């Protein structure tokens, strides 16, 4: 079995392909719990001012 991923060809033996298929089936049957992580960005106005202050004089 061969598949192309990001411009690279990946060659798998039949045993490797069978193991991969089995793992995908197990993952689909028992998916992980959802991730509740939230990224807090902060105030966009303060962020814009900080960027302007840092990069205003660079050209």
PDB file of N, CA and C in Angstrom:
ATOM      1  N   UNK A   1       0.847  -1.171   0.000  1.00  0.00           N
ATOM      2  CA  UNK A   1       0.000   0.000   0.000  1.00  0.00           C
ATOM      3  C   UNK A   1       0.890   1.231   0.000  1.00  0.00           C
ATOM      4  N   UNK A   2       0.556   2.234  -0.789  1.00  0.00           N
ATOM      5  CA  UNK A   2       1.300   3.495  -0.813  1.00  0.00           C
ATOM      6  C   UNK A   2       0.299   4.644  -0.768  1.00  0.00           C
ATOM      7  N   UNK A   3       0.668   5.680  -0.074  1.00  0.00           N
ATOM      8  CA  UNK A   3      -0.180   6.858  -0.008  1.00  0.00           C
ATOM      9  C   UNK A   3       0.705   8.091  -0.089  1.00  0.00           C
ATOM     10  N   UNK A   4       0.170   9.192  -0.565  1.00  0.00           N
ATOM     11  CA  UNK A   4       0.953  10.407  -0.670  1.00  0.00           C
ATOM     12  C   UNK A   4       0.473  11.386   0.389  1.00  0.00           C
ATOM     13  N   UNK A   5       1.422  11.906   1.148  1.00  0.00           N
ATOM     14  CA  UNK A   5       1.101  12.829   2.228  1.00  0.00           C
ATOM     15  C   UNK A   5       2.096  13.979   2.196  1.00  0.00           C
ATOM     16  N   UNK A   6       1.618  15.179   2.009  1.00  0.00           N
ATOM     17  CA  UNK A   6       2.444  16.390   1.980  1.00  0.00           C
ATOM     18  C   UNK A   6       3.603  16.223   0.995  1.00  0.00           C
ATOM     19  N   UNK A   7       3.295  15.719  -0.168  1.00  0.00           N
ATOM     20  CA  UNK A   7       4.307  15.594  -1.195  1.00  0.00           C
ATOM     21  C   UNK A   7       5.252  14.422  -1.019  1.00  0.00           C
ATOM     22  N   UNK A   8       5.067  13.622   0.021  1.00  0.00           N
ATOM     23  CA  UNK A   8       5.936  12.477   0.270  1.00  0.00           C
ATOM     24  C   UNK A   8       5.131  11.198   0.077  1.00  0.00           C
ATOM     25  N   UNK A   9       5.717  10.231  -0.578  1.00  0.00           N
ATOM     26  CA  UNK A   9       5.063   8.941  -0.741  1.00  0.00           C
ATOM     27  C   UNK A   9       5.450   8.051   0.420  1.00  0.00           C
ATOM     28  N   UNK A  10       4.449   7.485   1.085  1.00  0.00           N
ATOM     29  CA  UNK A  10       4.673   6.618   2.240  1.00  0.00           C
ATOM     30  C   UNK A  10       4.294   5.195   1.829  1.00  0.00           C
ATOM     31  N   UNK A  11       5.229   4.270   1.980  1.00  0.00           N
ATOM     32  CA  UNK A  11       4.984   2.880   1.619  1.00  0.00           C
ATOM     33  C   UNK A  11       4.743   2.067   2.892  1.00  0.00           C
ATOM     34  N   UNK A  12       3.663   1.300   2.907  1.00  0.00           N
ATOM     35  CA  UNK A  12       3.331   0.460   4.049  1.00  0.00           C
ATOM     36  C   UNK A  12       3.264  -0.991   3.610  1.00  0.00           C
ATOM     37  N   UNK A  13       3.729  -1.863   4.473  1.00  0.00           N
ATOM     38  CA  UNK A  13       3.541  -3.288   4.206  1.00  0.00           C
ATOM     39  C   UNK A  13       2.077  -3.618   4.494  1.00  0.00           C
ATOM     40  N   UNK A  14       1.647  -4.771   4.072  1.00  0.00           N
ATOM     41  CA  UNK A  14       0.263  -5.168   4.330  1.00  0.00           C
ATOM     42  C   UNK A  14      -0.021  -5.252   5.828  1.00  0.00           C
ATOM     43  N   UNK A  15       0.962  -5.735   6.596  1.00  0.00           N
ATOM     44  CA  UNK A  15       0.772  -5.843   8.043  1.00  0.00           C
ATOM     45  C   UNK A  15       0.636  -4.456   8.671  1.00  0.00           C
ATOM     46  N   UNK A  16       1.469  -3.506   8.231  1.00  0.00           N
ATOM     47  CA  UNK A  16       1.382  -2.144   8.757  1.00  0.00           C
ATOM     48  C   UNK A  16       0.037  -1.510   8.395  1.00  0.00           C
ATOM     49  N   UNK A  17      -0.415  -1.737   7.177  1.00  0.00           N
ATOM     50  CA  UNK A  17      -1.697  -1.188   6.743  1.00  0.00           C
ATOM     51  C   UNK A  17      -2.839  -1.791   7.558  1.00  0.00           C
ATOM     52  N   UNK A  18      -2.774  -3.105   7.813  1.00  0.00           N
ATOM     53  CA  UNK A  18      -3.818  -3.754   8.609  1.00  0.00           C
ATOM     54  C   UNK A  18      -3.852  -3.202  10.032  1.00  0.00           C
ATOM     55  N   UNK A  19      -2.656  -2.996  10.627  1.00  0.00           N
ATOM     56  CA  UNK A  19      -2.602  -2.421  11.982  1.00  0.00           C
ATOM     57  C   UNK A  19      -3.165  -1.000  11.998  1.00  0.00           C
ATOM     58  N   UNK A  20      -2.831  -0.222  10.977  1.00  0.00           N
ATOM     59  CA  UNK A  20      -3.329   1.142  10.914  1.00  0.00           C
ATOM     60  C   UNK A  20      -4.850   1.169  10.777  1.00  0.00           C
ATOM     61  N   UNK A  21      -5.382   0.315   9.942  1.00  0.00           N
ATOM     62  CA  UNK A  21      -6.837   0.237   9.767  1.00  0.00           C
ATOM     63  C   UNK A  21      -7.506  -0.159  11.070  1.00  0.00           C
ATOM     64  N   UNK A  22      -6.935  -1.117  11.789  1.00  0.00           N
ATOM     65  CA  UNK A  22      -7.496  -1.556  13.067  1.00  0.00           C
ATOM     66  C   UNK A  22      -7.462  -0.417  14.098  1.00  0.00           C
ATOM     67  N   UNK A  23      -6.366   0.335  14.135  1.00  0.00           N
ATOM     68  CA  UNK A  23      -6.270   1.452  15.075  1.00  0.00           C
ATOM     69  C   UNK A  23      -7.274   2.546  14.742  1.00  0.00           C
ATOM     70  N   UNK A  24      -7.494   2.797  13.461  1.00  0.00           N
ATOM     71  CA  UNK A  24      -8.487   3.797  13.061  1.00  0.00           C
ATOM     72  C   UNK A  24      -9.879   3.350  13.484  1.00  0.00           C
ATOM     73  N   UNK A  25     -10.174   2.074  13.307  1.00  0.00           N
ATOM     74  CA  UNK A  25     -11.482   1.549  13.732  1.00  0.00           C
ATOM     75  C   UNK A  25     -11.664   1.691  15.237  1.00  0.00           C
ATOM     76  N   UNK A  26     -10.608   1.384  16.013  1.00  0.00           N
ATOM     77  CA  UNK A  26     -10.695   1.520  17.473  1.00  0.00           C
ATOM     78  C   UNK A  26     -10.864   2.977  17.884  1.00  0.00           C
ATOM     79  N   UNK A  27     -10.167   3.874  17.223  1.00  0.00           N
ATOM     80  CA  UNK A  27     -10.288   5.300  17.527  1.00  0.00           C
ATOM     81  C   UNK A  27     -11.695   5.789  17.220  1.00  0.00           C
ATOM     82  N   UNK A  28     -12.240   5.374  16.075  1.00  0.00           N
ATOM     83  CA  UNK A  28     -13.601   5.786  15.713  1.00  0.00           C
ATOM     84  C   UNK A  28     -14.634   5.235  16.688  1.00  0.00           C
ATOM     85  N   UNK A  29     -14.411   4.018  17.198  1.00  0.00           N
ATOM     86  CA  UNK A  29     -15.350   3.409  18.141  1.00  0.00           C
ATOM     87  C   UNK A  29     -15.246   4.046  19.528  1.00  0.00           C
ATOM     88  N   UNK A  30     -14.046   4.485  19.915  1.00  0.00           N
ATOM     89  CA  UNK A  30     -13.827   5.070  21.246  1.00  0.00           C
ATOM     90  C   UNK A  30     -13.072   6.387  21.114  1.00  0.00           C
ATOM     91  N   UNK A  31     -13.740   7.450  20.665  1.00  0.00           N
ATOM     92  CA  UNK A  31     -13.032   8.717  20.494  1.00  0.00           C
ATOM     93  C   UNK A  31     -12.637   9.320  21.844  1.00  0.00           C
ATOM     94  N   UNK A  32     -11.587  10.127  21.876  1.00  0.00           N
ATOM     95  CA  UNK A  32     -11.173  10.744  23.129  1.00  0.00           C
ATOM     96  C   UNK A  32     -12.195  11.786  23.588  1.00  0.00           C
ATOM     97  N   UNK A  33     -12.137  12.115  24.862  1.00  0.00           N
ATOM     98  CA  UNK A  33     -13.044  13.125  25.404  1.00  0.00           C
ATOM     99  C   UNK A  33     -12.747  14.468  24.745  1.00  0.00           C
ATOM    100  N   UNK A  34     -13.763  15.316  24.592  1.00  0.00           N
ATOM    101  CA  UNK A  34     -13.532  16.616  23.970  1.00  0.00           C
ATOM    102  C   UNK A  34     -12.616  17.488  24.824  1.00  0.00           C
ATOM    103  N   UNK A  35     -11.866  18.330  24.163  1.00  0.00           N
ATOM    104  CA  UNK A  35     -10.938  19.232  24.830  1.00  0.00           C
ATOM    105  C   UNK A  35     -11.674  20.517  25.182  1.00  0.00           C
ATOM    106  N   UNK A  36     -11.634  20.916  26.442  1.00  0.00           N
ATOM    107  CA  UNK A  36     -12.323  22.122  26.881  1.00  0.00           C
ATOM    108  C   UNK A  36     -11.374  23.298  27.066  1.00  0.00           C
ATOM    109  N   UNK A  37     -10.180  23.199  26.515  1.00  0.00           N
ATOM    110  CA  UNK A  37      -9.186  24.248  26.656  1.00  0.00           C
ATOM    111  C   UNK A  37      -9.620  25.494  25.884  1.00  0.00           C
ATOM    112  N   UNK A  38      -9.557  26.658  26.529  1.00  0.00           N
ATOM    113  CA  UNK A  38      -9.888  27.906  25.870  1.00  0.00           C
ATOM    114  C   UNK A  38      -8.668  28.811  25.882  1.00  0.00           C
ATOM    115  N   UNK A  39      -8.400  29.418  24.764  1.00  0.00           N
ATOM    116  CA  UNK A  39      -7.289  30.341  24.644  1.00  0.00           C
ATOM    117  C   UNK A  39      -7.814  31.745  24.899  1.00  0.00           C
ATOM    118  N   UNK A  40      -7.254  32.428  25.883  1.00  0.00           N
ATOM    119  CA  UNK A  40      -7.697  33.771  26.214  1.00  0.00           C
ATOM    120  C   UNK A  40      -6.744  34.759  25.551  1.00  0.00           C
ATOM    121  N   UNK A  41      -7.253  35.550  24.639  1.00  0.00           N
ATOM    122  CA  UNK A  41      -6.428  36.439  23.838  1.00  0.00           C
ATOM    123  C   UNK A  41      -6.167  37.781  24.505  1.00  0.00           C
ATOM    124  N   UNK A  42      -7.039  38.247  25.329  1.00  0.00           N
ATOM    125  CA  UNK A  42      -6.848  39.559  25.938  1.00  0.00           C
ATOM    126  C   UNK A  42      -7.521  40.658  25.136  1.00  0.00           C
ATOM    127  N   UNK A  43      -7.243  41.894  25.509  1.00  0.00           N
ATOM    128  CA  UNK A  43      -7.872  43.058  24.894  1.00  0.00           C
ATOM    129  C   UNK A  43      -7.229  43.364  23.538  1.00  0.00           C
ATOM    130  N   UNK A  44      -7.993  43.368  22.447  1.00  0.00           N
ATOM    131  CA  UNK A  44      -7.412  43.623  21.129  1.00  0.00           C
ATOM    132  C   UNK A  44      -6.862  45.045  20.996  1.00  0.00           C
ATOM    133  N   UNK A  45      -7.446  46.019  21.699  1.00  0.00           N
ATOM    134  CA  UNK A  45      -6.960  47.397  21.611  1.00  0.00           C
ATOM    135  C   UNK A  45      -5.565  47.501  22.235  1.00  0.00           C
ATOM    136  N   UNK A  46      -5.382  46.885  23.408  1.00  0.00           N
ATOM    137  CA  UNK A  46      -4.073  46.897  24.064  1.00  0.00           C
ATOM    138  C   UNK A  46      -3.040  46.152  23.217  1.00  0.00           C
ATOM    139  N   UNK A  47      -3.469  45.075  22.601  1.00  0.00           N
ATOM    140  CA  UNK A  47      -2.575  44.298  21.746  1.00  0.00           C
ATOM    141  C   UNK A  47      -2.129  45.130  20.550  1.00  0.00           C
ATOM    142  N   UNK A  48      -3.065  45.834  19.917  1.00  0.00           N
ATOM    143  CA  UNK A  48      -2.740  46.668  18.765  1.00  0.00           C
ATOM    144  C   UNK A  48      -1.774  47.786  19.168  1.00  0.00           C
ATOM    145  N   UNK A  49      -2.002  48.391  20.331  1.00  0.00           N
ATOM    146  CA  UNK A  49      -1.110  49.449  20.808  1.00  0.00           C
ATOM    147  C   UNK A  49       0.291  48.905  21.080  1.00  0.00           C
ATOM    148  N   UNK A  50       0.374  47.723  21.665  1.00  0.00           N
ATOM    149  CA  UNK A  50       1.675  47.118  21.939  1.00  0.00           C
ATOM    150  C   UNK A  50       2.419  46.813  20.637  1.00  0.00           C
ATOM    151  N   UNK A  51       1.717  46.324  19.627  1.00  0.00           N
ATOM    152  CA  UNK A  51       2.351  46.064  18.329  1.00  0.00           C
ATOM    153  C   UNK A  51       2.825  47.352  17.684  1.00  0.00           C
ATOM    154  N   UNK A  52       1.981  48.376  17.760  1.00  0.00           N
ATOM    155  CA  UNK A  52       2.349  49.658  17.159  1.00  0.00           C
ATOM    156  C   UNK A  52       3.582  50.236  17.850  1.00  0.00           C
ATOM    157  N   UNK A  53       3.612  50.149  19.175  1.00  0.00           N
ATOM    158  CA  UNK A  53       4.741  50.669  19.935  1.00  0.00           C
ATOM    159  C   UNK A  53       6.035  49.931  19.567  1.00  0.00           C
ATOM    160  N   UNK A  54       5.928  48.600  19.424  1.00  0.00           N
ATOM    161  CA  UNK A  54       7.111  47.788  19.138  1.00  0.00           C
ATOM    162  C   UNK A  54       7.617  47.970  17.715  1.00  0.00           C
ATOM    163  N   UNK A  55       6.708  48.071  16.744  1.00  0.00           N
ATOM    164  CA  UNK A  55       7.116  48.038  15.338  1.00  0.00           C
ATOM    165  C   UNK A  55       6.917  49.362  14.609  1.00  0.00           C
ATOM    166  N   UNK A  56       6.538  50.432  15.279  1.00  0.00           N
ATOM    167  CA  UNK A  56       6.250  51.693  14.595  1.00  0.00           C
ATOM    168  C   UNK A  56       7.485  52.273  13.914  1.00  0.00           C
ATOM    169  N   UNK A  57       8.645  52.127  14.517  1.00  0.00           N
ATOM    170  CA  UNK A  57       9.854  52.748  13.974  1.00  0.00           C
ATOM    171  C   UNK A  57      10.639  51.842  13.024  1.00  0.00           C
ATOM    172  N   UNK A  58      10.235  50.605  12.878  1.00  0.00           N
ATOM    173  CA  UNK A  58      10.949  49.692  11.980  1.00  0.00           C
ATOM    174  C   UNK A  58      10.457  49.843  10.556  1.00  0.00           C
ATOM    175  N   UNK A  59      11.389  49.782   9.623  1.00  0.00           N
ATOM    176  CA  UNK A  59      10.998  49.865   8.206  1.00  0.00           C
ATOM    177  C   UNK A  59      11.726  48.839   7.401  1.00  0.00           C
TER     178      UNK A  59
END
